[in-house]
Amino acid sequence: MRIVIAGGHGKIALLLSRQLAEAGHEPVGIIRKPEQADDLRAVGATPLVLDLEHSTIDELAVALTGADATVFAAGAGPDSGPDRKLTLDRDGAILLADASVRAGVRRMIVISSMGADGFDASSDDGFQVYLRAKSEADAAVREHDLDWTIVRPGSLTDSDPAGVVTLGESVARGSIPRADVAALVSALLVGGTAVGRQFEVTSGSTPIVEALGAL
């Protein structure tokens, strides 16, 4: 499969690209900075330089032509201001969904955030704006004619992967290694499971494939 990953230089995206490449798939990572290209090549991904915040639907759709799936793993980051959280975390995801439809790519996976719908609409706090951006992006993606899955992980860590999770429409707050999120997304892509589903996930005791199969 050819999988185009928005936010291709992010930690989860790099882990996912390596896993996909090692399994014989073709990951393509969308990056904004050309100097990041070698990092993608090192994990087996093909770099695609394109700025989601300054691209049209048509430009992105051309880049997606021939893909089997798209993954939104982009984010403005904790040091970004509220405006970029909206233009990238929200609008970037919606743009990828729009372009996926135009390019005829049905499968789309969004990496969102646990508790996204609980944002304080009256707050301009950076984290609250981030949750709002994720919530509004997720809502927009759900309205698209796509085989979407929305993954809402808990707090992300750089711990070694455990391969076991707690997964459900709503689960108790907790953390999860980025490597396990990558493995879960890989399993979704390969298995074609959880289409039209949105769920939260943290570390737990159930193997990833088994947890997805129980949805």
N, C-alpha and C. Protein backbone atom coordinates (compact mmCIF):
# COMPACT_ATOMS: atom_id res chain seq x y z
N MET A 1 0.83 -1.20 0.00
CA MET A 1 0.00 0.00 0.00
C MET A 1 0.87 1.26 0.00
N ARG A 2 0.37 2.28 -0.65
CA ARG A 2 1.02 3.59 -0.62
C ARG A 2 0.22 4.46 0.36
N ILE A 3 0.86 4.87 1.43
CA ILE A 3 0.19 5.63 2.49
C ILE A 3 0.85 6.99 2.61
N VAL A 4 0.08 8.05 2.46
CA VAL A 4 0.59 9.42 2.56
C VAL A 4 0.29 9.95 3.96
N ILE A 5 1.34 10.36 4.65
CA ILE A 5 1.22 10.77 6.05
C ILE A 5 1.49 12.27 6.16
N ALA A 6 0.50 13.03 6.56
CA ALA A 6 0.67 14.46 6.82
C ALA A 6 1.34 14.63 8.17
N GLY A 7 2.33 15.53 8.23
CA GLY A 7 3.12 15.65 9.45
C GLY A 7 4.18 14.57 9.48
N GLY A 8 4.79 14.33 8.32
CA GLY A 8 5.68 13.19 8.15
C GLY A 8 6.93 13.17 8.99
N HIS A 9 7.32 14.33 9.55
CA HIS A 9 8.53 14.39 10.37
C HIS A 9 8.22 14.28 11.85
N GLY A 10 6.95 14.16 12.21
CA GLY A 10 6.59 14.01 13.62
C GLY A 10 7.03 12.66 14.17
N LYS A 11 7.08 12.58 15.49
CA LYS A 11 7.58 11.35 16.12
C LYS A 11 6.73 10.13 15.78
N ILE A 12 5.42 10.27 15.86
CA ILE A 12 4.56 9.14 15.53
C ILE A 12 4.69 8.80 14.06
N ALA A 13 4.73 9.81 13.20
CA ALA A 13 4.82 9.58 11.77
C ALA A 13 6.09 8.83 11.40
N LEU A 14 7.21 9.20 11.99
CA LEU A 14 8.47 8.51 11.69
C LEU A 14 8.43 7.06 12.15
N LEU A 15 7.87 6.83 13.31
CA LEU A 15 7.72 5.45 13.80
C LEU A 15 6.80 4.65 12.89
N LEU A 16 5.70 5.26 12.48
CA LEU A 16 4.75 4.60 11.60
C LEU A 16 5.40 4.30 10.25
N SER A 17 6.14 5.26 9.71
CA SER A 17 6.79 5.05 8.42
C SER A 17 7.75 3.87 8.47
N ARG A 18 8.52 3.80 9.54
CA ARG A 18 9.47 2.69 9.67
C ARG A 18 8.72 1.34 9.71
N GLN A 19 7.65 1.30 10.51
CA GLN A 19 6.88 0.06 10.61
C GLN A 19 6.27 -0.34 9.27
N LEU A 20 5.73 0.63 8.55
CA LEU A 20 5.12 0.34 7.26
C LEU A 20 6.16 -0.11 6.25
N ALA A 21 7.28 0.59 6.20
CA ALA A 21 8.33 0.24 5.25
C ALA A 21 8.86 -1.16 5.52
N GLU A 22 9.07 -1.49 6.79
CA GLU A 22 9.59 -2.81 7.14
C GLU A 22 8.59 -3.92 6.78
N ALA A 23 7.31 -3.56 6.70
CA ALA A 23 6.28 -4.53 6.34
C ALA A 23 6.05 -4.58 4.82
N GLY A 24 6.84 -3.82 4.07
CA GLY A 24 6.75 -3.86 2.62
C GLY A 24 5.83 -2.85 1.99
N HIS A 25 5.34 -1.88 2.76
CA HIS A 25 4.47 -0.85 2.23
C HIS A 25 5.29 0.38 1.82
N GLU A 26 4.62 1.36 1.22
CA GLU A 26 5.28 2.55 0.70
C GLU A 26 4.78 3.80 1.43
N PRO A 27 5.41 4.17 2.54
CA PRO A 27 5.01 5.40 3.22
C PRO A 27 5.57 6.64 2.52
N VAL A 28 4.75 7.66 2.44
CA VAL A 28 5.14 8.95 1.88
C VAL A 28 4.85 10.00 2.95
N GLY A 29 5.85 10.75 3.35
CA GLY A 29 5.67 11.73 4.41
C GLY A 29 5.62 13.15 3.89
N ILE A 30 4.53 13.86 4.18
CA ILE A 30 4.43 15.27 3.81
C ILE A 30 5.19 16.09 4.84
N ILE A 31 6.14 16.90 4.36
CA ILE A 31 6.94 17.76 5.23
C ILE A 31 6.95 19.18 4.68
N ARG A 32 7.16 20.13 5.58
CA ARG A 32 7.21 21.53 5.17
C ARG A 32 8.63 21.98 4.89
N LYS A 33 9.61 21.35 5.57
CA LYS A 33 11.00 21.78 5.47
C LYS A 33 11.81 20.75 4.68
N PRO A 34 12.41 21.17 3.57
CA PRO A 34 13.20 20.23 2.75
C PRO A 34 14.33 19.57 3.52
N GLU A 35 14.88 20.25 4.52
CA GLU A 35 16.00 19.68 5.27
C GLU A 35 15.59 18.49 6.12
N GLN A 36 14.30 18.22 6.23
CA GLN A 36 13.84 17.04 6.98
C GLN A 36 13.79 15.78 6.12
N ALA A 37 14.04 15.92 4.83
CA ALA A 37 13.86 14.80 3.91
C ALA A 37 14.73 13.59 4.25
N ASP A 38 15.97 13.84 4.63
CA ASP A 38 16.87 12.71 4.92
C ASP A 38 16.39 11.88 6.11
N ASP A 39 15.75 12.53 7.08
CA ASP A 39 15.22 11.79 8.23
C ASP A 39 14.12 10.82 7.78
N LEU A 40 13.33 11.23 6.81
CA LEU A 40 12.28 10.35 6.30
C LEU A 40 12.89 9.19 5.51
N ARG A 41 13.86 9.51 4.69
CA ARG A 41 14.50 8.44 3.90
C ARG A 41 15.15 7.40 4.83
N ALA A 42 15.65 7.86 5.97
CA ALA A 42 16.34 6.95 6.89
C ALA A 42 15.40 5.90 7.48
N VAL A 43 14.09 6.20 7.51
CA VAL A 43 13.13 5.23 8.04
C VAL A 43 12.34 4.54 6.93
N GLY A 44 12.75 4.77 5.69
CA GLY A 44 12.12 4.09 4.57
C GLY A 44 10.97 4.81 3.92
N ALA A 45 10.79 6.10 4.25
CA ALA A 45 9.69 6.88 3.68
C ALA A 45 10.18 7.77 2.54
N THR A 46 9.28 8.06 1.63
CA THR A 46 9.55 9.01 0.56
C THR A 46 9.09 10.39 1.00
N PRO A 47 9.97 11.38 1.01
CA PRO A 47 9.57 12.72 1.43
C PRO A 47 8.79 13.45 0.34
N LEU A 48 7.78 14.21 0.76
CA LEU A 48 6.99 15.04 -0.14
C LEU A 48 6.92 16.43 0.49
N VAL A 49 7.61 17.38 -0.11
CA VAL A 49 7.66 18.74 0.45
C VAL A 49 6.42 19.51 0.00
N LEU A 50 5.59 19.86 0.98
CA LEU A 50 4.34 20.56 0.70
C LEU A 50 3.85 21.19 2.01
N ASP A 51 3.46 22.44 1.96
CA ASP A 51 3.02 23.17 3.15
C ASP A 51 1.50 23.12 3.23
N LEU A 52 0.98 22.36 4.17
CA LEU A 52 -0.47 22.20 4.30
C LEU A 52 -1.18 23.52 4.56
N GLU A 53 -0.49 24.45 5.21
CA GLU A 53 -1.13 25.72 5.55
C GLU A 53 -1.16 26.70 4.38
N HIS A 54 -0.48 26.35 3.30
CA HIS A 54 -0.44 27.26 2.14
C HIS A 54 -0.62 26.48 0.84
N SER A 55 -1.42 25.44 0.89
CA SER A 55 -1.69 24.63 -0.29
C SER A 55 -3.19 24.60 -0.57
N THR A 56 -3.53 24.42 -1.83
CA THR A 56 -4.93 24.30 -2.22
C THR A 56 -5.35 22.84 -2.21
N ILE A 57 -6.65 22.62 -2.26
CA ILE A 57 -7.16 21.26 -2.33
C ILE A 57 -6.62 20.57 -3.58
N ASP A 58 -6.62 21.29 -4.69
CA ASP A 58 -6.15 20.68 -5.95
C ASP A 58 -4.68 20.30 -5.87
N GLU A 59 -3.85 21.15 -5.29
CA GLU A 59 -2.42 20.85 -5.17
C GLU A 59 -2.20 19.59 -4.33
N LEU A 60 -2.91 19.51 -3.22
CA LEU A 60 -2.75 18.34 -2.36
C LEU A 60 -3.34 17.10 -3.01
N ALA A 61 -4.46 17.24 -3.70
CA ALA A 61 -5.08 16.09 -4.36
C ALA A 61 -4.15 15.48 -5.39
N VAL A 62 -3.44 16.31 -6.12
CA VAL A 62 -2.47 15.81 -7.10
C VAL A 62 -1.41 14.97 -6.39
N ALA A 63 -0.95 15.45 -5.23
CA ALA A 63 0.08 14.73 -4.48
C ALA A 63 -0.45 13.40 -3.94
N LEU A 64 -1.75 13.31 -3.75
CA LEU A 64 -2.35 12.08 -3.19
C LEU A 64 -2.72 11.06 -4.26
N THR A 65 -2.63 11.44 -5.51
CA THR A 65 -3.04 10.55 -6.59
C THR A 65 -2.28 9.22 -6.52
N GLY A 66 -3.02 8.14 -6.54
CA GLY A 66 -2.42 6.81 -6.48
C GLY A 66 -2.23 6.26 -5.09
N ALA A 67 -2.55 7.04 -4.06
CA ALA A 67 -2.41 6.57 -2.68
C ALA A 67 -3.55 5.62 -2.32
N ASP A 68 -3.27 4.72 -1.41
CA ASP A 68 -4.30 3.81 -0.89
C ASP A 68 -4.93 4.34 0.39
N ALA A 69 -4.22 5.23 1.08
CA ALA A 69 -4.73 5.75 2.35
C ALA A 69 -3.97 7.02 2.71
N THR A 70 -4.60 7.83 3.55
CA THR A 70 -3.93 9.00 4.11
C THR A 70 -4.01 8.94 5.63
N VAL A 71 -3.02 9.53 6.26
CA VAL A 71 -2.98 9.61 7.73
C VAL A 71 -2.69 11.05 8.11
N PHE A 72 -3.51 11.62 8.99
CA PHE A 72 -3.23 12.96 9.50
C PHE A 72 -2.54 12.83 10.84
N ALA A 73 -1.22 13.13 10.84
CA ALA A 73 -0.42 13.06 12.06
C ALA A 73 0.29 14.37 12.30
N ALA A 74 -0.21 15.44 11.67
CA ALA A 74 0.44 16.74 11.78
C ALA A 74 -0.02 17.48 13.03
N GLY A 75 0.78 18.43 13.46
CA GLY A 75 0.43 19.26 14.60
C GLY A 75 1.36 20.45 14.71
N ALA A 76 0.80 21.57 15.13
CA ALA A 76 1.61 22.78 15.24
C ALA A 76 2.59 22.72 16.40
N GLY A 77 2.32 21.86 17.38
CA GLY A 77 3.25 21.71 18.50
C GLY A 77 2.89 22.57 19.68
N PRO A 78 3.39 22.20 20.87
CA PRO A 78 3.02 22.90 22.10
C PRO A 78 3.51 24.35 22.17
N ASP A 79 4.53 24.69 21.41
CA ASP A 79 5.07 26.05 21.46
C ASP A 79 4.41 26.97 20.45
N SER A 80 3.46 26.47 19.68
CA SER A 80 2.80 27.31 18.67
C SER A 80 1.69 28.13 19.31
N GLY A 81 1.32 29.21 18.63
CA GLY A 81 0.24 30.05 19.11
C GLY A 81 -1.12 29.50 18.72
N PRO A 82 -2.19 30.09 19.28
CA PRO A 82 -3.55 29.60 18.99
C PRO A 82 -3.88 29.59 17.50
N ASP A 83 -3.41 30.59 16.77
CA ASP A 83 -3.76 30.67 15.35
C ASP A 83 -3.26 29.45 14.58
N ARG A 84 -2.04 29.01 14.83
CA ARG A 84 -1.49 27.87 14.09
C ARG A 84 -2.15 26.56 14.51
N LYS A 85 -2.63 26.50 15.72
CA LYS A 85 -3.36 25.29 16.12
C LYS A 85 -4.62 25.15 15.28
N LEU A 86 -5.22 26.28 14.94
CA LEU A 86 -6.42 26.24 14.10
C LEU A 86 -6.06 26.02 12.63
N THR A 87 -5.02 26.68 12.14
CA THR A 87 -4.70 26.57 10.72
C THR A 87 -4.06 25.24 10.36
N LEU A 88 -3.41 24.56 11.33
CA LEU A 88 -2.79 23.27 11.02
C LEU A 88 -3.56 22.12 11.64
N ASP A 89 -3.71 22.11 12.96
CA ASP A 89 -4.37 20.97 13.62
C ASP A 89 -5.81 20.80 13.16
N ARG A 90 -6.50 21.89 12.89
CA ARG A 90 -7.88 21.81 12.42
C ARG A 90 -7.96 21.87 10.90
N ASP A 91 -7.54 23.01 10.34
CA ASP A 91 -7.72 23.23 8.90
C ASP A 91 -6.88 22.28 8.07
N GLY A 92 -5.70 21.90 8.57
CA GLY A 92 -4.87 20.95 7.84
C GLY A 92 -5.54 19.59 7.70
N ALA A 93 -6.19 19.15 8.78
CA ALA A 93 -6.89 17.86 8.73
C ALA A 93 -8.07 17.91 7.78
N ILE A 94 -8.80 19.02 7.80
CA ILE A 94 -9.94 19.17 6.90
C ILE A 94 -9.46 19.22 5.45
N LEU A 95 -8.36 19.93 5.20
CA LEU A 95 -7.81 19.99 3.85
C LEU A 95 -7.42 18.59 3.36
N LEU A 96 -6.79 17.80 4.23
CA LEU A 96 -6.40 16.45 3.84
C LEU A 96 -7.63 15.61 3.52
N ALA A 97 -8.69 15.78 4.29
CA ALA A 97 -9.93 15.04 4.02
C ALA A 97 -10.53 15.48 2.69
N ASP A 98 -10.59 16.79 2.45
CA ASP A 98 -11.13 17.30 1.19
C ASP A 98 -10.32 16.77 0.00
N ALA A 99 -8.99 16.82 0.12
CA ALA A 99 -8.13 16.39 -0.96
C ALA A 99 -8.20 14.87 -1.16
N SER A 100 -8.38 14.13 -0.08
CA SER A 100 -8.53 12.68 -0.19
C SER A 100 -9.76 12.33 -1.01
N VAL A 101 -10.88 13.02 -0.73
CA VAL A 101 -12.10 12.80 -1.50
C VAL A 101 -11.86 13.13 -2.97
N ARG A 102 -11.23 14.27 -3.23
CA ARG A 102 -11.00 14.70 -4.62
C ARG A 102 -10.09 13.73 -5.36
N ALA A 103 -9.11 13.17 -4.65
CA ALA A 103 -8.15 12.26 -5.28
C ALA A 103 -8.66 10.83 -5.34
N GLY A 104 -9.82 10.57 -4.74
CA GLY A 104 -10.37 9.22 -4.76
C GLY A 104 -9.71 8.27 -3.79
N VAL A 105 -9.12 8.82 -2.72
CA VAL A 105 -8.49 8.00 -1.67
C VAL A 105 -9.50 7.83 -0.55
N ARG A 106 -10.05 6.66 -0.39
CA ARG A 106 -11.17 6.49 0.55
C ARG A 106 -10.72 6.36 2.00
N ARG A 107 -9.59 5.72 2.24
CA ARG A 107 -9.19 5.41 3.63
C ARG A 107 -8.44 6.58 4.23
N MET A 108 -8.88 7.05 5.40
CA MET A 108 -8.20 8.14 6.10
C MET A 108 -8.22 7.87 7.59
N ILE A 109 -7.08 8.02 8.21
CA ILE A 109 -6.96 7.87 9.65
C ILE A 109 -6.47 9.19 10.24
N VAL A 110 -7.13 9.64 11.27
CA VAL A 110 -6.78 10.90 11.95
C VAL A 110 -6.27 10.57 13.35
N ILE A 111 -5.09 11.10 13.68
CA ILE A 111 -4.60 11.01 15.05
C ILE A 111 -5.02 12.29 15.76
N SER A 112 -5.95 12.15 16.68
CA SER A 112 -6.56 13.29 17.36
C SER A 112 -6.06 13.35 18.81
N SER A 113 -6.94 13.62 19.75
CA SER A 113 -6.54 13.73 21.15
C SER A 113 -7.68 13.31 22.07
N MET A 114 -7.34 12.58 23.10
CA MET A 114 -8.32 12.22 24.12
C MET A 114 -8.94 13.49 24.71
N GLY A 115 -10.24 13.45 24.93
CA GLY A 115 -10.92 14.58 25.56
C GLY A 115 -11.11 15.79 24.68
N ALA A 116 -10.96 15.62 23.36
CA ALA A 116 -11.02 16.77 22.47
C ALA A 116 -12.35 17.51 22.56
N ASP A 117 -13.43 16.78 22.75
CA ASP A 117 -14.74 17.43 22.75
C ASP A 117 -15.04 18.18 24.05
N GLY A 118 -14.16 18.06 25.04
CA GLY A 118 -14.38 18.74 26.31
C GLY A 118 -13.72 20.09 26.41
N PHE A 119 -13.39 20.70 25.29
CA PHE A 119 -12.70 21.99 25.33
C PHE A 119 -13.60 23.11 25.87
N ASP A 120 -12.94 24.11 26.44
CA ASP A 120 -13.63 25.30 26.95
C ASP A 120 -13.70 26.33 25.83
N ALA A 121 -14.87 26.51 25.26
CA ALA A 121 -15.02 27.40 24.10
C ALA A 121 -14.75 28.86 24.43
N SER A 122 -14.80 29.21 25.71
CA SER A 122 -14.60 30.61 26.09
C SER A 122 -13.14 30.92 26.40
N SER A 123 -12.28 29.90 26.38
CA SER A 123 -10.89 30.07 26.78
C SER A 123 -9.98 30.27 25.57
N ASP A 124 -8.97 31.14 25.76
CA ASP A 124 -7.95 31.30 24.72
C ASP A 124 -6.64 30.63 25.15
N ASP A 125 -6.71 29.80 26.20
CA ASP A 125 -5.55 29.01 26.62
C ASP A 125 -5.12 28.10 25.47
N GLY A 126 -3.81 27.97 25.27
CA GLY A 126 -3.30 27.21 24.14
C GLY A 126 -3.81 25.78 24.08
N PHE A 127 -3.87 25.11 25.23
CA PHE A 127 -4.31 23.71 25.22
C PHE A 127 -5.80 23.61 24.90
N GLN A 128 -6.58 24.56 25.40
CA GLN A 128 -8.01 24.54 25.10
C GLN A 128 -8.26 24.80 23.62
N VAL A 129 -7.47 25.68 23.02
CA VAL A 129 -7.59 25.93 21.58
C VAL A 129 -7.17 24.69 20.79
N TYR A 130 -6.14 24.00 21.28
CA TYR A 130 -5.70 22.75 20.65
C TYR A 130 -6.83 21.72 20.67
N LEU A 131 -7.49 21.55 21.82
CA LEU A 131 -8.60 20.60 21.91
C LEU A 131 -9.74 21.02 20.98
N ARG A 132 -10.02 22.31 20.94
CA ARG A 132 -11.06 22.80 20.03
C ARG A 132 -10.70 22.46 18.58
N ALA A 133 -9.44 22.70 18.21
CA ALA A 133 -9.01 22.43 16.84
C ALA A 133 -9.20 20.96 16.50
N LYS A 134 -8.81 20.07 17.42
CA LYS A 134 -8.96 18.64 17.18
C LYS A 134 -10.44 18.25 17.10
N SER A 135 -11.25 18.77 18.00
CA SER A 135 -12.66 18.45 18.01
C SER A 135 -13.35 18.88 16.72
N GLU A 136 -13.06 20.10 16.28
CA GLU A 136 -13.70 20.61 15.07
C GLU A 136 -13.19 19.89 13.83
N ALA A 137 -11.92 19.52 13.83
CA ALA A 137 -11.39 18.74 12.71
C ALA A 137 -12.06 17.37 12.65
N ASP A 138 -12.16 16.72 13.80
CA ASP A 138 -12.77 15.39 13.84
C ASP A 138 -14.21 15.44 13.34
N ALA A 139 -14.95 16.45 13.78
CA ALA A 139 -16.35 16.59 13.37
C ALA A 139 -16.45 16.76 11.86
N ALA A 140 -15.55 17.55 11.29
CA ALA A 140 -15.56 17.77 9.84
C ALA A 140 -15.21 16.49 9.08
N VAL A 141 -14.21 15.77 9.56
CA VAL A 141 -13.82 14.52 8.89
C VAL A 141 -14.97 13.52 8.91
N ARG A 142 -15.69 13.46 10.01
CA ARG A 142 -16.80 12.51 10.11
C ARG A 142 -17.89 12.78 9.07
N GLU A 143 -17.95 13.99 8.56
CA GLU A 143 -18.98 14.35 7.57
C GLU A 143 -18.54 14.05 6.14
N HIS A 144 -17.29 13.65 5.96
CA HIS A 144 -16.80 13.35 4.62
C HIS A 144 -17.16 11.93 4.20
N ASP A 145 -17.29 11.76 2.88
CA ASP A 145 -17.55 10.43 2.33
C ASP A 145 -16.23 9.69 2.20
N LEU A 146 -15.74 9.23 3.35
CA LEU A 146 -14.47 8.54 3.46
C LEU A 146 -14.61 7.35 4.40
N ASP A 147 -13.71 6.40 4.26
CA ASP A 147 -13.61 5.31 5.23
C ASP A 147 -12.67 5.77 6.34
N TRP A 148 -13.19 6.64 7.20
CA TRP A 148 -12.35 7.30 8.20
C TRP A 148 -12.32 6.50 9.50
N THR A 149 -11.23 6.71 10.22
CA THR A 149 -11.11 6.26 11.61
C THR A 149 -10.42 7.38 12.38
N ILE A 150 -10.94 7.73 13.53
CA ILE A 150 -10.36 8.79 14.35
C ILE A 150 -9.83 8.17 15.65
N VAL A 151 -8.53 8.30 15.84
CA VAL A 151 -7.84 7.73 17.00
C VAL A 151 -7.53 8.85 17.98
N ARG A 152 -7.99 8.71 19.21
CA ARG A 152 -7.78 9.75 20.23
C ARG A 152 -6.93 9.19 21.37
N PRO A 153 -5.62 9.28 21.24
CA PRO A 153 -4.74 8.73 22.29
C PRO A 153 -4.69 9.63 23.52
N GLY A 154 -4.31 9.01 24.65
CA GLY A 154 -4.05 9.77 25.86
C GLY A 154 -2.71 10.47 25.77
N SER A 155 -2.15 10.84 26.91
CA SER A 155 -0.87 11.54 26.93
C SER A 155 0.20 10.68 26.27
N LEU A 156 0.99 11.29 25.40
CA LEU A 156 1.98 10.55 24.62
C LEU A 156 3.32 10.52 25.33
N THR A 157 3.96 9.35 25.29
CA THR A 157 5.28 9.20 25.90
C THR A 157 6.23 8.60 24.87
N ASP A 158 7.51 8.65 25.20
CA ASP A 158 8.53 8.04 24.35
C ASP A 158 9.01 6.70 24.91
N SER A 159 8.21 6.10 25.76
CA SER A 159 8.55 4.79 26.34
C SER A 159 8.57 3.72 25.26
N ASP A 160 9.22 2.61 25.57
CA ASP A 160 9.23 1.49 24.65
C ASP A 160 7.81 0.96 24.45
N PRO A 161 7.50 0.47 23.26
CA PRO A 161 6.15 -0.04 23.02
C PRO A 161 5.86 -1.28 23.84
N ALA A 162 4.62 -1.40 24.28
CA ALA A 162 4.19 -2.57 25.03
C ALA A 162 3.29 -3.47 24.20
N GLY A 163 2.62 -2.88 23.20
CA GLY A 163 1.76 -3.67 22.33
C GLY A 163 0.40 -4.01 22.90
N VAL A 164 0.09 -3.46 24.08
CA VAL A 164 -1.20 -3.73 24.72
C VAL A 164 -1.86 -2.41 25.09
N VAL A 165 -3.18 -2.35 24.93
CA VAL A 165 -3.89 -1.08 25.07
C VAL A 165 -5.22 -1.26 25.79
N THR A 166 -5.78 -0.14 26.21
CA THR A 166 -7.18 -0.04 26.60
C THR A 166 -7.84 0.85 25.56
N LEU A 167 -8.91 0.41 24.97
CA LEU A 167 -9.48 1.09 23.82
C LEU A 167 -11.00 1.10 23.92
N GLY A 168 -11.61 2.24 23.65
CA GLY A 168 -13.06 2.33 23.69
C GLY A 168 -13.53 3.71 23.31
N GLU A 169 -14.82 3.87 23.17
CA GLU A 169 -15.38 5.18 22.82
C GLU A 169 -14.92 6.25 23.81
N SER A 170 -14.87 5.88 25.09
CA SER A 170 -14.34 6.76 26.13
C SER A 170 -13.66 5.87 27.17
N VAL A 171 -12.41 6.19 27.50
CA VAL A 171 -11.67 5.40 28.49
C VAL A 171 -11.08 6.35 29.53
N ALA A 172 -10.66 5.78 30.66
CA ALA A 172 -10.06 6.59 31.72
C ALA A 172 -8.77 7.23 31.22
N ARG A 173 -8.50 8.41 31.71
CA ARG A 173 -7.30 9.11 31.28
C ARG A 173 -6.05 8.30 31.61
N GLY A 174 -5.09 8.40 30.73
CA GLY A 174 -3.84 7.67 30.90
C GLY A 174 -2.87 8.06 29.81
N SER A 175 -1.79 7.35 29.72
CA SER A 175 -0.77 7.64 28.72
C SER A 175 -0.58 6.44 27.80
N ILE A 176 0.19 6.67 26.74
CA ILE A 176 0.47 5.60 25.79
C ILE A 176 1.75 5.96 25.03
N PRO A 177 2.64 5.00 24.81
CA PRO A 177 3.83 5.28 24.02
C PRO A 177 3.48 5.63 22.57
N ARG A 178 4.21 6.58 22.01
CA ARG A 178 3.99 6.93 20.61
C ARG A 178 4.16 5.71 19.71
N ALA A 179 5.09 4.82 20.08
CA ALA A 179 5.31 3.63 19.26
C ALA A 179 4.08 2.74 19.22
N ASP A 180 3.31 2.70 20.31
CA ASP A 180 2.09 1.90 20.32
C ASP A 180 1.00 2.57 19.48
N VAL A 181 0.95 3.90 19.49
CA VAL A 181 0.01 4.60 18.61
C VAL A 181 0.35 4.30 17.16
N ALA A 182 1.63 4.34 16.82
CA ALA A 182 2.06 4.02 15.45
C ALA A 182 1.66 2.60 15.08
N ALA A 183 1.88 1.66 15.99
CA ALA A 183 1.53 0.26 15.73
C ALA A 183 0.02 0.10 15.54
N LEU A 184 -0.76 0.83 16.31
CA LEU A 184 -2.20 0.77 16.19
C LEU A 184 -2.65 1.30 14.82
N VAL A 185 -2.08 2.44 14.41
CA VAL A 185 -2.43 3.00 13.10
C VAL A 185 -2.02 2.04 11.99
N SER A 186 -0.86 1.44 12.12
CA SER A 186 -0.42 0.45 11.13
C SER A 186 -1.41 -0.71 11.04
N ALA A 187 -1.88 -1.18 12.20
CA ALA A 187 -2.84 -2.28 12.23
C ALA A 187 -4.16 -1.87 11.58
N LEU A 188 -4.58 -0.62 11.79
CA LEU A 188 -5.80 -0.12 11.15
C LEU A 188 -5.65 -0.12 9.63
N LEU A 189 -4.49 0.33 9.16
CA LEU A 189 -4.26 0.40 7.72
C LEU A 189 -4.22 -0.98 7.09
N VAL A 190 -3.51 -1.89 7.71
CA VAL A 190 -3.33 -3.23 7.14
C VAL A 190 -4.61 -4.05 7.26
N GLY A 191 -5.28 -3.92 8.39
CA GLY A 191 -6.45 -4.75 8.64
C GLY A 191 -7.76 -4.18 8.12
N GLY A 192 -7.76 -2.87 7.82
CA GLY A 192 -8.99 -2.25 7.34
C GLY A 192 -10.11 -2.24 8.36
N THR A 193 -9.74 -2.24 9.64
CA THR A 193 -10.74 -2.30 10.70
C THR A 193 -11.15 -0.91 11.18
N ALA A 194 -12.22 -0.87 11.98
CA ALA A 194 -12.69 0.33 12.67
C ALA A 194 -13.07 1.46 11.71
N VAL A 195 -13.56 1.11 10.53
CA VAL A 195 -14.02 2.13 9.59
C VAL A 195 -15.26 2.82 10.16
N GLY A 196 -15.26 4.14 10.12
CA GLY A 196 -16.38 4.90 10.65
C GLY A 196 -16.45 4.91 12.17
N ARG A 197 -15.32 4.65 12.82
CA ARG A 197 -15.28 4.61 14.28
C ARG A 197 -14.32 5.67 14.82
N GLN A 198 -14.68 6.21 15.96
CA GLN A 198 -13.83 7.14 16.72
C GLN A 198 -13.66 6.54 18.10
N PHE A 199 -12.42 6.51 18.60
CA PHE A 199 -12.20 5.90 19.91
C PHE A 199 -11.00 6.51 20.60
N GLU A 200 -10.99 6.37 21.93
CA GLU A 200 -9.85 6.78 22.75
C GLU A 200 -9.00 5.56 23.05
N VAL A 201 -7.72 5.80 23.31
CA VAL A 201 -6.82 4.67 23.58
C VAL A 201 -5.71 5.09 24.52
N THR A 202 -5.41 4.22 25.46
CA THR A 202 -4.28 4.39 26.37
C THR A 202 -3.58 3.03 26.49
N SER A 203 -2.48 3.00 27.20
CA SER A 203 -1.85 1.72 27.50
C SER A 203 -2.81 0.87 28.34
N GLY A 204 -2.71 -0.44 28.16
CA GLY A 204 -3.63 -1.32 28.89
C GLY A 204 -3.13 -2.74 28.92
N SER A 205 -4.03 -3.69 28.71
CA SER A 205 -3.67 -5.11 28.84
C SER A 205 -4.11 -5.95 27.66
N THR A 206 -4.72 -5.34 26.65
CA THR A 206 -5.24 -6.09 25.51
C THR A 206 -4.36 -5.87 24.28
N PRO A 207 -3.91 -6.91 23.63
CA PRO A 207 -3.12 -6.74 22.40
C PRO A 207 -3.85 -5.86 21.38
N ILE A 208 -3.10 -5.06 20.66
CA ILE A 208 -3.69 -4.05 19.77
C ILE A 208 -4.68 -4.65 18.78
N VAL A 209 -4.29 -5.68 18.06
CA VAL A 209 -5.19 -6.26 17.06
C VAL A 209 -6.45 -6.82 17.70
N GLU A 210 -6.30 -7.43 18.86
CA GLU A 210 -7.47 -7.97 19.57
C GLU A 210 -8.40 -6.84 20.01
N ALA A 211 -7.83 -5.74 20.50
CA ALA A 211 -8.65 -4.61 20.94
C ALA A 211 -9.40 -3.99 19.78
N LEU A 212 -8.76 -3.86 18.63
CA LEU A 212 -9.43 -3.31 17.45
C LEU A 212 -10.53 -4.25 16.99
N GLY A 213 -10.30 -5.53 17.04
CA GLY A 213 -11.29 -6.50 16.61
C GLY A 213 -12.53 -6.52 17.49
N ALA A 214 -12.39 -6.04 18.74
CA ALA A 214 -13.52 -6.04 19.67
C ALA A 214 -14.37 -4.79 19.58
N LEU A 215 -13.97 -3.83 18.74
CA LEU A 215 -14.76 -2.60 18.63
C LEU A 215 -16.16 -2.89 18.06
